[in-house]
Amino acid sequence: MLPLEGITVVSLEQAVAAPFATRQLADLGARVVKVERPGAGDFARSYDGTVNGMSSHFVWLNRSKESLALDLKQDAAKGALRRLVAGADVFVQNLARARPNGSASGRRR
């Protein structure tokens, strides 16, 4: 038995930092559900097409995870995410905060 079996992690993640952290949790036995935007998903999927059309970087960072596409601009998807997080032990996110004009900003005010 792995040390994190029975633990559920829900993650809104992309790029490197959070996907690497949650991959470590998955490797230790946690169930990791990666929530992605519909269509393109995590932009790291398209860095290259080495592994069955997905980037080797993406595949390496996201092994052993489940993936769920939710359009978080829709109320039903927001409700689904809230229910998913309510049943999770851990919630991870590394998305940039949105500015009032809709663009992303990593800076805090």
N, C-alpha and C. Protein backbone atom coordinates (compact mmCIF):
# COMPACT_ATOMS: atom_id res chain seq x y z
N MET A 1 0.84 -1.18 0.00
CA MET A 1 0.00 0.00 0.00
C MET A 1 0.89 1.25 0.00
N LEU A 2 0.54 2.19 -0.86
CA LEU A 2 1.29 3.45 -0.93
C LEU A 2 0.79 4.41 0.15
N PRO A 3 1.62 5.32 0.61
CA PRO A 3 1.26 6.18 1.74
C PRO A 3 0.07 7.11 1.52
N LEU A 4 -0.23 7.48 0.28
CA LEU A 4 -1.34 8.42 0.05
C LEU A 4 -2.58 7.75 -0.56
N GLU A 5 -2.62 6.43 -0.57
CA GLU A 5 -3.82 5.74 -1.06
C GLU A 5 -5.01 6.18 -0.22
N GLY A 6 -6.14 6.45 -0.87
CA GLY A 6 -7.33 6.92 -0.19
C GLY A 6 -7.44 8.44 -0.12
N ILE A 7 -6.40 9.15 -0.54
CA ILE A 7 -6.42 10.61 -0.57
C ILE A 7 -6.82 11.07 -1.97
N THR A 8 -7.73 12.02 -2.05
CA THR A 8 -8.16 12.58 -3.34
C THR A 8 -7.68 14.02 -3.45
N VAL A 9 -7.04 14.32 -4.57
CA VAL A 9 -6.52 15.65 -4.86
C VAL A 9 -7.24 16.18 -6.10
N VAL A 10 -7.77 17.38 -6.03
CA VAL A 10 -8.34 18.06 -7.19
C VAL A 10 -7.42 19.21 -7.51
N SER A 11 -7.08 19.35 -8.80
CA SER A 11 -6.11 20.37 -9.17
C SER A 11 -6.53 21.13 -10.42
N LEU A 12 -6.47 22.46 -10.31
CA LEU A 12 -6.58 23.36 -11.45
C LEU A 12 -5.15 23.79 -11.72
N GLU A 13 -4.53 23.21 -12.72
CA GLU A 13 -3.09 23.38 -12.89
C GLU A 13 -2.71 23.43 -14.35
N GLN A 14 -1.55 24.02 -14.58
CA GLN A 14 -0.95 24.01 -15.91
C GLN A 14 0.53 24.30 -15.78
N ALA A 15 1.25 24.09 -16.86
CA ALA A 15 2.69 24.37 -16.94
C ALA A 15 3.51 23.36 -16.15
N VAL A 16 4.24 23.79 -15.10
CA VAL A 16 5.21 22.90 -14.46
C VAL A 16 5.00 22.73 -12.96
N ALA A 17 4.96 23.80 -12.19
CA ALA A 17 5.03 23.69 -10.73
C ALA A 17 3.94 22.82 -10.13
N ALA A 18 2.69 23.16 -10.35
CA ALA A 18 1.60 22.36 -9.76
C ALA A 18 1.51 20.97 -10.39
N PRO A 19 1.64 20.83 -11.72
CA PRO A 19 1.62 19.47 -12.27
C PRO A 19 2.73 18.58 -11.69
N PHE A 20 3.91 19.15 -11.44
CA PHE A 20 4.98 18.35 -10.85
C PHE A 20 4.63 17.96 -9.41
N ALA A 21 4.11 18.91 -8.65
CA ALA A 21 3.73 18.62 -7.26
C ALA A 21 2.66 17.53 -7.19
N THR A 22 1.63 17.66 -8.02
CA THR A 22 0.55 16.67 -7.96
C THR A 22 0.97 15.33 -8.56
N ARG A 23 1.94 15.35 -9.46
CA ARG A 23 2.47 14.08 -9.96
C ARG A 23 3.16 13.32 -8.83
N GLN A 24 3.86 14.05 -7.97
CA GLN A 24 4.49 13.42 -6.82
C GLN A 24 3.42 12.79 -5.92
N LEU A 25 2.32 13.50 -5.70
CA LEU A 25 1.23 12.96 -4.89
C LEU A 25 0.64 11.71 -5.52
N ALA A 26 0.45 11.74 -6.84
CA ALA A 26 -0.07 10.57 -7.56
C ALA A 26 0.90 9.39 -7.45
N ASP A 27 2.18 9.66 -7.58
CA ASP A 27 3.18 8.60 -7.46
C ASP A 27 3.15 7.96 -6.07
N LEU A 28 2.71 8.72 -5.07
CA LEU A 28 2.62 8.19 -3.71
C LEU A 28 1.26 7.58 -3.40
N GLY A 29 0.40 7.47 -4.44
CA GLY A 29 -0.85 6.75 -4.30
C GLY A 29 -2.11 7.58 -4.27
N ALA A 30 -2.01 8.90 -4.26
CA ALA A 30 -3.22 9.73 -4.24
C ALA A 30 -3.95 9.64 -5.58
N ARG A 31 -5.26 9.78 -5.52
CA ARG A 31 -6.06 9.94 -6.73
C ARG A 31 -6.02 11.42 -7.06
N VAL A 32 -5.49 11.75 -8.23
CA VAL A 32 -5.37 13.16 -8.64
C VAL A 32 -6.29 13.40 -9.83
N VAL A 33 -7.19 14.38 -9.68
CA VAL A 33 -8.10 14.77 -10.75
C VAL A 33 -7.65 16.15 -11.23
N LYS A 34 -7.15 16.19 -12.45
CA LYS A 34 -6.68 17.43 -13.07
C LYS A 34 -7.86 18.04 -13.84
N VAL A 35 -8.26 19.24 -13.46
CA VAL A 35 -9.35 19.93 -14.14
C VAL A 35 -8.75 20.85 -15.20
N GLU A 36 -9.19 20.65 -16.44
CA GLU A 36 -8.66 21.43 -17.56
C GLU A 36 -9.79 22.13 -18.31
N ARG A 37 -9.42 23.13 -19.08
CA ARG A 37 -10.41 23.81 -19.91
C ARG A 37 -10.77 22.89 -21.09
N PRO A 38 -12.00 22.97 -21.57
CA PRO A 38 -12.39 22.15 -22.72
C PRO A 38 -11.58 22.52 -23.96
N GLY A 39 -11.43 21.59 -24.84
CA GLY A 39 -10.70 21.83 -26.08
C GLY A 39 -9.22 21.60 -25.92
N ALA A 40 -8.46 22.67 -25.82
CA ALA A 40 -7.00 22.58 -25.77
C ALA A 40 -6.48 22.03 -24.45
N GLY A 41 -7.19 22.21 -23.36
CA GLY A 41 -6.70 21.76 -22.06
C GLY A 41 -5.48 22.54 -21.63
N ASP A 42 -4.61 21.88 -20.90
CA ASP A 42 -3.35 22.48 -20.44
C ASP A 42 -2.50 22.83 -21.65
N PHE A 43 -2.01 24.07 -21.72
CA PHE A 43 -1.23 24.48 -22.89
C PHE A 43 0.04 23.65 -23.05
N ALA A 44 0.50 23.00 -21.99
CA ALA A 44 1.71 22.16 -22.08
C ALA A 44 1.49 20.91 -22.93
N ARG A 45 0.23 20.54 -23.19
CA ARG A 45 -0.05 19.38 -24.05
C ARG A 45 0.57 19.55 -25.44
N SER A 46 0.66 20.80 -25.90
CA SER A 46 1.09 21.04 -27.28
C SER A 46 2.53 21.52 -27.41
N TYR A 47 3.35 21.38 -26.38
CA TYR A 47 4.76 21.77 -26.52
C TYR A 47 5.43 21.03 -27.66
N ASP A 48 5.09 19.78 -27.83
CA ASP A 48 5.56 18.97 -28.96
C ASP A 48 4.55 17.84 -29.14
N GLY A 49 4.77 16.96 -30.07
CA GLY A 49 3.83 15.87 -30.31
C GLY A 49 4.48 14.51 -30.17
N THR A 50 5.46 14.39 -29.34
CA THR A 50 6.30 13.20 -29.25
C THR A 50 5.55 11.95 -28.78
N VAL A 51 4.62 12.08 -27.85
CA VAL A 51 3.95 10.92 -27.26
C VAL A 51 2.49 10.87 -27.73
N ASN A 52 2.25 10.15 -28.80
CA ASN A 52 0.89 10.01 -29.33
C ASN A 52 0.21 11.37 -29.51
N GLY A 53 0.93 12.34 -30.01
CA GLY A 53 0.39 13.66 -30.29
C GLY A 53 0.43 14.63 -29.12
N MET A 54 0.90 14.16 -27.96
CA MET A 54 1.03 15.06 -26.80
C MET A 54 2.50 15.26 -26.50
N SER A 55 2.79 16.33 -25.80
CA SER A 55 4.19 16.62 -25.49
C SER A 55 4.74 15.66 -24.44
N SER A 56 6.00 15.31 -24.59
CA SER A 56 6.64 14.43 -23.61
C SER A 56 6.64 15.10 -22.23
N HIS A 57 6.83 16.40 -22.21
CA HIS A 57 6.81 17.17 -20.97
C HIS A 57 5.46 16.99 -20.27
N PHE A 58 4.37 17.15 -21.01
CA PHE A 58 3.03 17.02 -20.45
C PHE A 58 2.79 15.61 -19.92
N VAL A 59 3.15 14.62 -20.72
CA VAL A 59 2.92 13.23 -20.33
C VAL A 59 3.72 12.90 -19.07
N TRP A 60 4.95 13.34 -18.99
CA TRP A 60 5.80 13.07 -17.83
C TRP A 60 5.22 13.71 -16.57
N LEU A 61 4.74 14.95 -16.67
CA LEU A 61 4.22 15.65 -15.50
C LEU A 61 2.83 15.19 -15.09
N ASN A 62 2.09 14.56 -15.97
CA ASN A 62 0.69 14.25 -15.69
C ASN A 62 0.37 12.77 -15.67
N ARG A 63 1.39 11.94 -15.59
CA ARG A 63 1.14 10.50 -15.52
C ARG A 63 0.34 10.18 -14.26
N SER A 64 -0.45 9.15 -14.35
CA SER A 64 -1.23 8.63 -13.22
C SER A 64 -2.34 9.55 -12.75
N LYS A 65 -2.71 10.55 -13.53
CA LYS A 65 -3.79 11.47 -13.15
C LYS A 65 -5.03 11.21 -14.00
N GLU A 66 -6.17 11.57 -13.44
CA GLU A 66 -7.41 11.62 -14.21
C GLU A 66 -7.54 13.05 -14.72
N SER A 67 -8.21 13.22 -15.85
CA SER A 67 -8.41 14.55 -16.40
C SER A 67 -9.89 14.79 -16.63
N LEU A 68 -10.33 15.99 -16.28
CA LEU A 68 -11.72 16.37 -16.43
C LEU A 68 -11.76 17.75 -17.07
N ALA A 69 -12.52 17.89 -18.15
CA ALA A 69 -12.65 19.19 -18.82
C ALA A 69 -13.91 19.89 -18.30
N LEU A 70 -13.72 21.11 -17.77
CA LEU A 70 -14.84 21.92 -17.30
C LEU A 70 -14.67 23.34 -17.80
N ASP A 71 -15.73 23.90 -18.35
CA ASP A 71 -15.73 25.30 -18.76
C ASP A 71 -16.19 26.12 -17.57
N LEU A 72 -15.25 26.65 -16.82
CA LEU A 72 -15.56 27.33 -15.56
C LEU A 72 -16.21 28.69 -15.73
N LYS A 73 -16.51 29.05 -16.97
CA LYS A 73 -17.32 30.25 -17.22
C LYS A 73 -18.81 29.91 -17.15
N GLN A 74 -19.11 28.62 -17.08
CA GLN A 74 -20.50 28.15 -17.03
C GLN A 74 -20.88 27.80 -15.59
N ASP A 75 -22.08 28.19 -15.17
CA ASP A 75 -22.53 27.94 -13.80
C ASP A 75 -22.55 26.45 -13.46
N ALA A 76 -23.00 25.62 -14.39
CA ALA A 76 -23.07 24.18 -14.12
C ALA A 76 -21.67 23.60 -13.86
N ALA A 77 -20.68 24.07 -14.61
CA ALA A 77 -19.31 23.60 -14.41
C ALA A 77 -18.75 24.09 -13.08
N LYS A 78 -19.07 25.33 -12.71
CA LYS A 78 -18.63 25.84 -11.41
C LYS A 78 -19.22 24.99 -10.28
N GLY A 79 -20.49 24.62 -10.42
CA GLY A 79 -21.12 23.76 -9.42
C GLY A 79 -20.47 22.39 -9.36
N ALA A 80 -20.13 21.85 -10.52
CA ALA A 80 -19.46 20.55 -10.55
C ALA A 80 -18.11 20.62 -9.87
N LEU A 81 -17.37 21.71 -10.11
CA LEU A 81 -16.07 21.87 -9.46
C LEU A 81 -16.24 22.00 -7.95
N ARG A 82 -17.21 22.77 -7.51
CA ARG A 82 -17.44 22.92 -6.06
C ARG A 82 -17.73 21.56 -5.41
N ARG A 83 -18.56 20.74 -6.06
CA ARG A 83 -18.86 19.41 -5.52
C ARG A 83 -17.63 18.52 -5.50
N LEU A 84 -16.83 18.61 -6.55
CA LEU A 84 -15.60 17.82 -6.63
C LEU A 84 -14.64 18.21 -5.51
N VAL A 85 -14.45 19.51 -5.32
CA VAL A 85 -13.55 20.00 -4.28
C VAL A 85 -14.08 19.65 -2.88
N ALA A 86 -15.39 19.71 -2.70
CA ALA A 86 -15.98 19.39 -1.39
C ALA A 86 -15.68 17.95 -0.98
N GLY A 87 -15.54 17.06 -1.96
CA GLY A 87 -15.25 15.66 -1.66
C GLY A 87 -13.77 15.34 -1.66
N ALA A 88 -12.92 16.33 -1.90
CA ALA A 88 -11.48 16.10 -1.98
C ALA A 88 -10.81 16.35 -0.63
N ASP A 89 -9.64 15.77 -0.47
CA ASP A 89 -8.82 16.01 0.71
C ASP A 89 -7.88 17.21 0.49
N VAL A 90 -7.52 17.44 -0.78
CA VAL A 90 -6.54 18.47 -1.12
C VAL A 90 -7.01 19.19 -2.38
N PHE A 91 -6.86 20.51 -2.40
CA PHE A 91 -7.13 21.30 -3.60
C PHE A 91 -5.87 22.08 -3.93
N VAL A 92 -5.40 21.96 -5.18
CA VAL A 92 -4.19 22.65 -5.65
C VAL A 92 -4.58 23.50 -6.85
N GLN A 93 -4.03 24.71 -6.92
CA GLN A 93 -4.24 25.52 -8.13
C GLN A 93 -3.05 26.43 -8.33
N ASN A 94 -2.70 26.63 -9.60
CA ASN A 94 -1.61 27.56 -9.91
C ASN A 94 -1.96 28.45 -11.10
N LEU A 95 -3.23 28.73 -11.25
CA LEU A 95 -3.66 29.58 -12.35
C LEU A 95 -3.48 31.05 -11.97
N ALA A 96 -3.15 31.86 -12.95
CA ALA A 96 -3.00 33.30 -12.71
C ALA A 96 -4.36 33.91 -12.39
N ARG A 97 -4.34 34.92 -11.53
CA ARG A 97 -5.57 35.65 -11.23
C ARG A 97 -6.00 36.42 -12.46
N ALA A 98 -7.30 36.52 -12.67
CA ALA A 98 -7.82 37.29 -13.80
C ALA A 98 -7.92 38.76 -13.43
N ARG A 99 -7.58 39.60 -14.37
CA ARG A 99 -7.76 41.05 -14.21
C ARG A 99 -9.20 41.40 -14.58
N PRO A 100 -9.67 42.56 -14.19
CA PRO A 100 -11.03 42.96 -14.55
C PRO A 100 -11.29 42.93 -16.06
N ASN A 101 -10.26 43.15 -16.88
CA ASN A 101 -10.46 43.13 -18.34
C ASN A 101 -10.41 41.71 -18.91
N GLY A 102 -10.23 40.70 -18.03
CA GLY A 102 -10.25 39.31 -18.47
C GLY A 102 -8.89 38.71 -18.74
N SER A 103 -7.84 39.53 -18.76
CA SER A 103 -6.51 38.97 -18.99
C SER A 103 -5.94 38.45 -17.67
N ALA A 104 -4.92 37.62 -17.77
CA ALA A 104 -4.33 37.01 -16.58
C ALA A 104 -3.20 37.86 -16.03
N SER A 105 -3.06 37.82 -14.72
CA SER A 105 -1.95 38.52 -14.07
C SER A 105 -1.48 37.69 -12.90
N GLY A 106 -0.20 37.47 -12.83
CA GLY A 106 0.35 36.75 -11.69
C GLY A 106 0.69 37.68 -10.55
N ARG A 107 0.58 38.98 -10.77
CA ARG A 107 0.94 39.97 -9.75
C ARG A 107 -0.20 40.18 -8.76
N ARG A 108 0.16 40.29 -7.51
CA ARG A 108 -0.84 40.61 -6.48
C ARG A 108 -0.87 42.11 -6.28
N ARG A 109 -2.00 42.61 -5.94
CA ARG A 109 -2.13 44.05 -5.71
C ARG A 109 -2.24 44.34 -4.24
